[in-house]
Amino acid sequence: MAGMAGLASLGLAPPVRASRKEGSMYGLIGKMTATPGQRDALTAILLESLGTMPGCLSYIVAHDPADETAIWVTEVWNDEAAHRASLQIPEVKEAIRRGMPLIATFDDVKVTRPVGGAGLAT
């Protein structure tokens, strides 16, 4: 661990916070349901190759504690164009190809306009 992020994780420093002009970032929040018994495998696929997504400021994958098949994904991007461009990255396309058979359903995806928060770069 290094820097403020490492200290914050130990409770020794406040989390790094940043904000931007409203509307300059692009966000997505969505829920998907894995086929029975495949949530962990799908989660692993969603978490692979995260470093290959230029313009991605935050990508959080979370398990729903009330539903053993549900996964929530929260994303923040520099802008919508960065998100669209990420869908053309070979590693992302491969992850989509591998993950699709493990997804039973997609719930509505909500588009948001993030304005700031812990961990978001300025």
N, C-alpha and C. Protein backbone atom coordinates (compact mmCIF):
# COMPACT_ATOMS: atom_id res chain seq x y z
N MET A 1 0.84 -1.18 0.00
CA MET A 1 0.00 0.00 0.00
C MET A 1 0.88 1.24 0.00
N ALA A 2 0.44 2.23 -0.73
CA ALA A 2 1.23 3.45 -0.81
C ALA A 2 0.30 4.64 -0.89
N GLY A 3 0.81 5.78 -0.48
CA GLY A 3 0.08 7.04 -0.64
C GLY A 3 -1.17 7.13 0.20
N MET A 4 -2.01 8.12 -0.16
CA MET A 4 -3.24 8.39 0.58
C MET A 4 -4.22 7.22 0.52
N ALA A 5 -4.29 6.51 -0.59
CA ALA A 5 -5.23 5.40 -0.70
C ALA A 5 -4.88 4.32 0.31
N GLY A 6 -3.60 4.03 0.47
CA GLY A 6 -3.18 3.04 1.45
C GLY A 6 -3.48 3.47 2.87
N LEU A 7 -3.22 4.73 3.18
CA LEU A 7 -3.51 5.25 4.51
C LEU A 7 -5.02 5.27 4.77
N ALA A 8 -5.79 5.64 3.78
CA ALA A 8 -7.24 5.68 3.95
C ALA A 8 -7.78 4.29 4.25
N SER A 9 -7.22 3.27 3.59
CA SER A 9 -7.71 1.91 3.83
C SER A 9 -7.42 1.45 5.25
N LEU A 10 -6.44 2.06 5.89
CA LEU A 10 -6.12 1.74 7.28
C LEU A 10 -6.86 2.64 8.26
N GLY A 11 -7.66 3.57 7.73
CA GLY A 11 -8.40 4.49 8.57
C GLY A 11 -7.54 5.63 9.11
N LEU A 12 -6.37 5.86 8.52
CA LEU A 12 -5.45 6.89 9.01
C LEU A 12 -5.54 8.20 8.26
N ALA A 13 -6.27 8.24 7.17
CA ALA A 13 -6.40 9.48 6.40
C ALA A 13 -7.76 9.49 5.73
N PRO A 14 -8.28 10.68 5.45
CA PRO A 14 -9.58 10.72 4.77
C PRO A 14 -9.44 10.21 3.35
N PRO A 15 -10.53 9.65 2.79
CA PRO A 15 -10.45 9.19 1.40
C PRO A 15 -10.24 10.35 0.46
N VAL A 16 -9.56 10.05 -0.65
CA VAL A 16 -9.35 11.07 -1.68
C VAL A 16 -10.69 11.33 -2.35
N ARG A 17 -11.05 12.60 -2.48
CA ARG A 17 -12.32 12.96 -3.11
C ARG A 17 -12.05 13.90 -4.26
N ALA A 18 -12.86 13.75 -5.28
CA ALA A 18 -12.72 14.62 -6.44
C ALA A 18 -14.10 14.94 -6.98
N SER A 19 -14.18 16.01 -7.74
CA SER A 19 -15.44 16.33 -8.40
C SER A 19 -15.13 16.96 -9.74
N ARG A 20 -16.13 16.98 -10.59
CA ARG A 20 -16.02 17.56 -11.91
C ARG A 20 -17.27 18.37 -12.17
N LYS A 21 -17.21 19.15 -13.20
CA LYS A 21 -18.39 19.88 -13.63
C LYS A 21 -19.50 18.87 -13.94
N GLU A 22 -20.71 19.14 -13.44
CA GLU A 22 -21.83 18.23 -13.66
C GLU A 22 -22.00 17.94 -15.14
N GLY A 23 -22.19 16.67 -15.44
CA GLY A 23 -22.44 16.26 -16.81
C GLY A 23 -21.20 15.92 -17.59
N SER A 24 -20.00 16.12 -17.03
CA SER A 24 -18.80 15.83 -17.81
C SER A 24 -18.37 14.37 -17.73
N MET A 25 -18.91 13.63 -16.77
CA MET A 25 -18.62 12.20 -16.68
C MET A 25 -19.87 11.42 -17.13
N TYR A 26 -19.66 10.15 -17.44
CA TYR A 26 -20.73 9.28 -17.90
C TYR A 26 -20.77 8.07 -16.98
N GLY A 27 -21.93 7.73 -16.47
CA GLY A 27 -22.05 6.61 -15.56
C GLY A 27 -23.12 5.62 -15.98
N LEU A 28 -22.94 4.39 -15.54
CA LEU A 28 -23.91 3.32 -15.77
C LEU A 28 -24.05 2.52 -14.49
N ILE A 29 -25.28 2.15 -14.17
CA ILE A 29 -25.55 1.25 -13.06
C ILE A 29 -26.48 0.18 -13.59
N GLY A 30 -26.08 -1.06 -13.46
CA GLY A 30 -26.92 -2.13 -13.98
C GLY A 30 -26.87 -3.38 -13.12
N LYS A 31 -27.90 -4.17 -13.25
CA LYS A 31 -27.99 -5.43 -12.53
C LYS A 31 -28.14 -6.55 -13.55
N MET A 32 -27.41 -7.61 -13.34
CA MET A 32 -27.58 -8.80 -14.16
C MET A 32 -27.74 -10.00 -13.24
N THR A 33 -28.39 -11.01 -13.78
CA THR A 33 -28.59 -12.25 -13.04
C THR A 33 -27.81 -13.35 -13.75
N ALA A 34 -26.97 -14.01 -12.99
CA ALA A 34 -26.19 -15.12 -13.55
C ALA A 34 -27.06 -16.37 -13.62
N THR A 35 -26.71 -17.25 -14.54
CA THR A 35 -27.39 -18.54 -14.54
C THR A 35 -27.05 -19.24 -13.22
N PRO A 36 -27.92 -20.10 -12.73
CA PRO A 36 -27.69 -20.73 -11.42
C PRO A 36 -26.30 -21.36 -11.31
N GLY A 37 -25.64 -21.04 -10.21
CA GLY A 37 -24.32 -21.58 -9.92
C GLY A 37 -23.17 -20.92 -10.66
N GLN A 38 -23.43 -19.87 -11.44
CA GLN A 38 -22.39 -19.26 -12.26
C GLN A 38 -22.01 -17.84 -11.84
N ARG A 39 -22.54 -17.34 -10.70
CA ARG A 39 -22.25 -15.96 -10.32
C ARG A 39 -20.75 -15.73 -10.11
N ASP A 40 -20.06 -16.61 -9.45
CA ASP A 40 -18.63 -16.41 -9.20
C ASP A 40 -17.83 -16.43 -10.50
N ALA A 41 -18.17 -17.34 -11.41
CA ALA A 41 -17.48 -17.40 -12.70
C ALA A 41 -17.72 -16.13 -13.51
N LEU A 42 -18.97 -15.66 -13.53
CA LEU A 42 -19.28 -14.43 -14.25
C LEU A 42 -18.58 -13.24 -13.61
N THR A 43 -18.55 -13.18 -12.30
CA THR A 43 -17.85 -12.10 -11.60
C THR A 43 -16.38 -12.08 -11.98
N ALA A 44 -15.75 -13.24 -12.02
CA ALA A 44 -14.33 -13.31 -12.39
C ALA A 44 -14.11 -12.76 -13.80
N ILE A 45 -14.99 -13.08 -14.72
CA ILE A 45 -14.87 -12.56 -16.09
C ILE A 45 -15.02 -11.04 -16.10
N LEU A 46 -16.00 -10.52 -15.35
CA LEU A 46 -16.23 -9.08 -15.30
C LEU A 46 -15.04 -8.31 -14.73
N LEU A 47 -14.27 -8.96 -13.87
CA LEU A 47 -13.15 -8.29 -13.21
C LEU A 47 -11.82 -8.44 -13.95
N GLU A 48 -11.77 -9.25 -15.00
CA GLU A 48 -10.54 -9.43 -15.77
C GLU A 48 -10.27 -8.20 -16.63
N SER A 49 -9.02 -7.92 -16.89
CA SER A 49 -8.58 -6.92 -17.87
C SER A 49 -9.11 -5.51 -17.61
N LEU A 50 -9.32 -5.16 -16.36
CA LEU A 50 -9.83 -3.82 -16.08
C LEU A 50 -8.84 -2.73 -16.45
N GLY A 51 -7.56 -3.02 -16.43
CA GLY A 51 -6.55 -2.02 -16.76
C GLY A 51 -6.50 -1.68 -18.24
N THR A 52 -7.24 -2.39 -19.06
CA THR A 52 -7.20 -2.15 -20.50
C THR A 52 -8.31 -1.21 -20.96
N MET A 53 -8.98 -0.52 -20.05
CA MET A 53 -10.12 0.31 -20.42
C MET A 53 -9.79 1.80 -20.24
N PRO A 54 -9.16 2.43 -21.24
CA PRO A 54 -8.85 3.86 -21.13
C PRO A 54 -10.12 4.67 -20.93
N GLY A 55 -10.03 5.65 -20.05
CA GLY A 55 -11.18 6.52 -19.78
C GLY A 55 -12.10 6.00 -18.71
N CYS A 56 -11.84 4.80 -18.19
CA CYS A 56 -12.66 4.25 -17.11
C CYS A 56 -12.13 4.77 -15.78
N LEU A 57 -12.96 5.50 -15.06
CA LEU A 57 -12.57 6.08 -13.78
C LEU A 57 -12.92 5.17 -12.61
N SER A 58 -13.97 4.38 -12.78
CA SER A 58 -14.41 3.48 -11.72
C SER A 58 -15.24 2.36 -12.34
N TYR A 59 -14.98 1.14 -11.91
CA TYR A 59 -15.73 -0.02 -12.39
C TYR A 59 -15.87 -0.95 -11.19
N ILE A 60 -17.06 -1.01 -10.63
CA ILE A 60 -17.31 -1.76 -9.41
C ILE A 60 -18.26 -2.91 -9.70
N VAL A 61 -17.87 -4.10 -9.33
CA VAL A 61 -18.71 -5.29 -9.45
C VAL A 61 -19.07 -5.71 -8.04
N ALA A 62 -20.37 -5.88 -7.78
CA ALA A 62 -20.82 -6.21 -6.43
C ALA A 62 -21.85 -7.33 -6.47
N HIS A 63 -21.77 -8.21 -5.48
CA HIS A 63 -22.77 -9.26 -5.33
C HIS A 63 -23.94 -8.72 -4.51
N ASP A 64 -25.14 -9.10 -4.90
CA ASP A 64 -26.34 -8.72 -4.17
C ASP A 64 -26.52 -9.72 -3.03
N PRO A 65 -26.45 -9.27 -1.77
CA PRO A 65 -26.54 -10.21 -0.66
C PRO A 65 -27.93 -10.84 -0.51
N ALA A 66 -28.95 -10.26 -1.14
CA ALA A 66 -30.31 -10.79 -1.04
C ALA A 66 -30.64 -11.76 -2.17
N ASP A 67 -29.74 -11.90 -3.14
CA ASP A 67 -30.02 -12.76 -4.30
C ASP A 67 -28.71 -13.42 -4.73
N GLU A 68 -28.61 -14.71 -4.56
CA GLU A 68 -27.35 -15.42 -4.82
C GLU A 68 -26.97 -15.49 -6.30
N THR A 69 -27.82 -14.99 -7.18
CA THR A 69 -27.48 -14.98 -8.61
C THR A 69 -27.25 -13.58 -9.16
N ALA A 70 -27.53 -12.54 -8.37
CA ALA A 70 -27.51 -11.16 -8.87
C ALA A 70 -26.16 -10.49 -8.70
N ILE A 71 -25.80 -9.71 -9.72
CA ILE A 71 -24.56 -8.91 -9.73
C ILE A 71 -24.94 -7.49 -10.14
N TRP A 72 -24.42 -6.51 -9.41
CA TRP A 72 -24.58 -5.10 -9.73
C TRP A 72 -23.25 -4.59 -10.27
N VAL A 73 -23.29 -3.83 -11.35
CA VAL A 73 -22.09 -3.21 -11.91
C VAL A 73 -22.32 -1.70 -11.96
N THR A 74 -21.39 -0.96 -11.38
CA THR A 74 -21.44 0.50 -11.38
C THR A 74 -20.18 1.00 -12.08
N GLU A 75 -20.36 1.81 -13.12
CA GLU A 75 -19.24 2.30 -13.93
C GLU A 75 -19.24 3.82 -13.98
N VAL A 76 -18.05 4.40 -14.00
CA VAL A 76 -17.89 5.84 -14.25
C VAL A 76 -16.80 6.00 -15.29
N TRP A 77 -17.10 6.77 -16.33
CA TRP A 77 -16.21 6.99 -17.47
C TRP A 77 -15.96 8.48 -17.65
N ASN A 78 -14.84 8.81 -18.30
CA ASN A 78 -14.58 10.21 -18.63
C ASN A 78 -15.75 10.80 -19.40
N ASP A 79 -16.29 10.03 -20.33
CA ASP A 79 -17.43 10.46 -21.14
C ASP A 79 -18.03 9.24 -21.83
N GLU A 80 -19.15 9.45 -22.51
CA GLU A 80 -19.82 8.34 -23.17
C GLU A 80 -18.97 7.73 -24.29
N ALA A 81 -18.20 8.57 -24.97
CA ALA A 81 -17.35 8.07 -26.05
C ALA A 81 -16.32 7.07 -25.53
N ALA A 82 -15.75 7.31 -24.35
CA ALA A 82 -14.78 6.38 -23.77
C ALA A 82 -15.45 5.03 -23.49
N HIS A 83 -16.67 5.06 -23.00
CA HIS A 83 -17.39 3.82 -22.75
C HIS A 83 -17.63 3.06 -24.06
N ARG A 84 -18.12 3.76 -25.06
CA ARG A 84 -18.37 3.11 -26.36
C ARG A 84 -17.08 2.52 -26.93
N ALA A 85 -15.98 3.28 -26.84
CA ALA A 85 -14.70 2.80 -27.37
C ALA A 85 -14.23 1.55 -26.64
N SER A 86 -14.54 1.44 -25.35
CA SER A 86 -14.10 0.27 -24.58
C SER A 86 -14.71 -1.02 -25.12
N LEU A 87 -15.87 -0.92 -25.73
CA LEU A 87 -16.55 -2.11 -26.25
C LEU A 87 -15.86 -2.68 -27.48
N GLN A 88 -14.89 -1.94 -28.01
CA GLN A 88 -14.13 -2.41 -29.18
C GLN A 88 -12.76 -2.98 -28.81
N ILE A 89 -12.39 -2.90 -27.54
CA ILE A 89 -11.11 -3.42 -27.09
C ILE A 89 -11.16 -4.96 -27.13
N PRO A 90 -10.16 -5.60 -27.74
CA PRO A 90 -10.21 -7.06 -27.88
C PRO A 90 -10.45 -7.80 -26.56
N GLU A 91 -9.81 -7.40 -25.48
CA GLU A 91 -10.00 -8.08 -24.19
C GLU A 91 -11.44 -7.93 -23.69
N VAL A 92 -12.04 -6.77 -23.92
CA VAL A 92 -13.42 -6.54 -23.50
C VAL A 92 -14.37 -7.36 -24.37
N LYS A 93 -14.13 -7.37 -25.67
CA LYS A 93 -14.97 -8.18 -26.56
C LYS A 93 -14.91 -9.65 -26.18
N GLU A 94 -13.72 -10.13 -25.82
CA GLU A 94 -13.56 -11.53 -25.41
C GLU A 94 -14.29 -11.79 -24.10
N ALA A 95 -14.20 -10.86 -23.16
CA ALA A 95 -14.92 -11.02 -21.88
C ALA A 95 -16.42 -11.07 -22.12
N ILE A 96 -16.93 -10.24 -23.01
CA ILE A 96 -18.36 -10.27 -23.34
C ILE A 96 -18.73 -11.62 -23.94
N ARG A 97 -17.92 -12.10 -24.87
CA ARG A 97 -18.18 -13.39 -25.50
C ARG A 97 -18.23 -14.52 -24.47
N ARG A 98 -17.28 -14.51 -23.54
CA ARG A 98 -17.22 -15.55 -22.52
C ARG A 98 -18.32 -15.41 -21.48
N GLY A 99 -18.69 -14.17 -21.16
CA GLY A 99 -19.67 -13.94 -20.10
C GLY A 99 -21.12 -14.13 -20.51
N MET A 100 -21.45 -13.85 -21.76
CA MET A 100 -22.84 -13.90 -22.21
C MET A 100 -23.54 -15.23 -21.89
N PRO A 101 -22.91 -16.39 -22.09
CA PRO A 101 -23.61 -17.64 -21.78
C PRO A 101 -23.91 -17.83 -20.29
N LEU A 102 -23.24 -17.06 -19.44
CA LEU A 102 -23.43 -17.19 -17.99
C LEU A 102 -24.48 -16.22 -17.45
N ILE A 103 -25.06 -15.39 -18.32
CA ILE A 103 -26.02 -14.37 -17.90
C ILE A 103 -27.43 -14.87 -18.22
N ALA A 104 -28.27 -14.93 -17.19
CA ALA A 104 -29.66 -15.35 -17.38
C ALA A 104 -30.50 -14.15 -17.83
N THR A 105 -30.32 -13.01 -17.17
CA THR A 105 -31.10 -11.81 -17.52
C THR A 105 -30.29 -10.55 -17.22
N PHE A 106 -30.64 -9.49 -17.95
CA PHE A 106 -30.16 -8.15 -17.66
C PHE A 106 -31.37 -7.35 -17.17
N ASP A 107 -31.23 -6.65 -16.08
CA ASP A 107 -32.27 -5.71 -15.68
C ASP A 107 -31.98 -4.39 -16.36
N ASP A 108 -32.84 -3.42 -16.15
CA ASP A 108 -32.61 -2.11 -16.75
C ASP A 108 -31.25 -1.56 -16.35
N VAL A 109 -30.57 -0.99 -17.33
CA VAL A 109 -29.32 -0.27 -17.06
C VAL A 109 -29.68 1.20 -16.99
N LYS A 110 -29.23 1.87 -15.96
CA LYS A 110 -29.50 3.29 -15.78
C LYS A 110 -28.26 4.08 -16.13
N VAL A 111 -28.44 5.12 -16.93
CA VAL A 111 -27.36 6.05 -17.25
C VAL A 111 -27.39 7.14 -16.20
N THR A 112 -26.21 7.50 -15.70
CA THR A 112 -26.11 8.57 -14.70
C THR A 112 -25.10 9.62 -15.16
N ARG A 113 -25.09 10.76 -14.49
CA ARG A 113 -24.10 11.80 -14.71
C ARG A 113 -23.35 12.03 -13.39
N PRO A 114 -22.31 11.23 -13.15
CA PRO A 114 -21.55 11.38 -11.90
C PRO A 114 -20.97 12.79 -11.80
N VAL A 115 -20.98 13.31 -10.57
CA VAL A 115 -20.40 14.63 -10.33
C VAL A 115 -19.19 14.58 -9.40
N GLY A 116 -18.87 13.43 -8.84
CA GLY A 116 -17.68 13.31 -8.01
C GLY A 116 -17.86 12.21 -6.99
N GLY A 117 -16.79 11.97 -6.25
CA GLY A 117 -16.84 10.97 -5.21
C GLY A 117 -15.47 10.43 -4.87
N ALA A 118 -15.42 9.61 -3.85
CA ALA A 118 -14.16 9.03 -3.40
C ALA A 118 -13.55 8.20 -4.52
N GLY A 119 -12.28 8.45 -4.79
CA GLY A 119 -11.56 7.65 -5.77
C GLY A 119 -11.64 8.13 -7.19
N LEU A 120 -12.53 9.05 -7.50
CA LEU A 120 -12.63 9.54 -8.87
C LEU A 120 -11.55 10.59 -9.13
N ALA A 121 -10.78 10.38 -10.19
CA ALA A 121 -9.72 11.32 -10.54
C ALA A 121 -10.32 12.60 -11.11
N THR A 122 -9.63 13.70 -10.92
CA THR A 122 -10.11 14.96 -11.48
C THR A 122 -9.67 15.08 -12.91
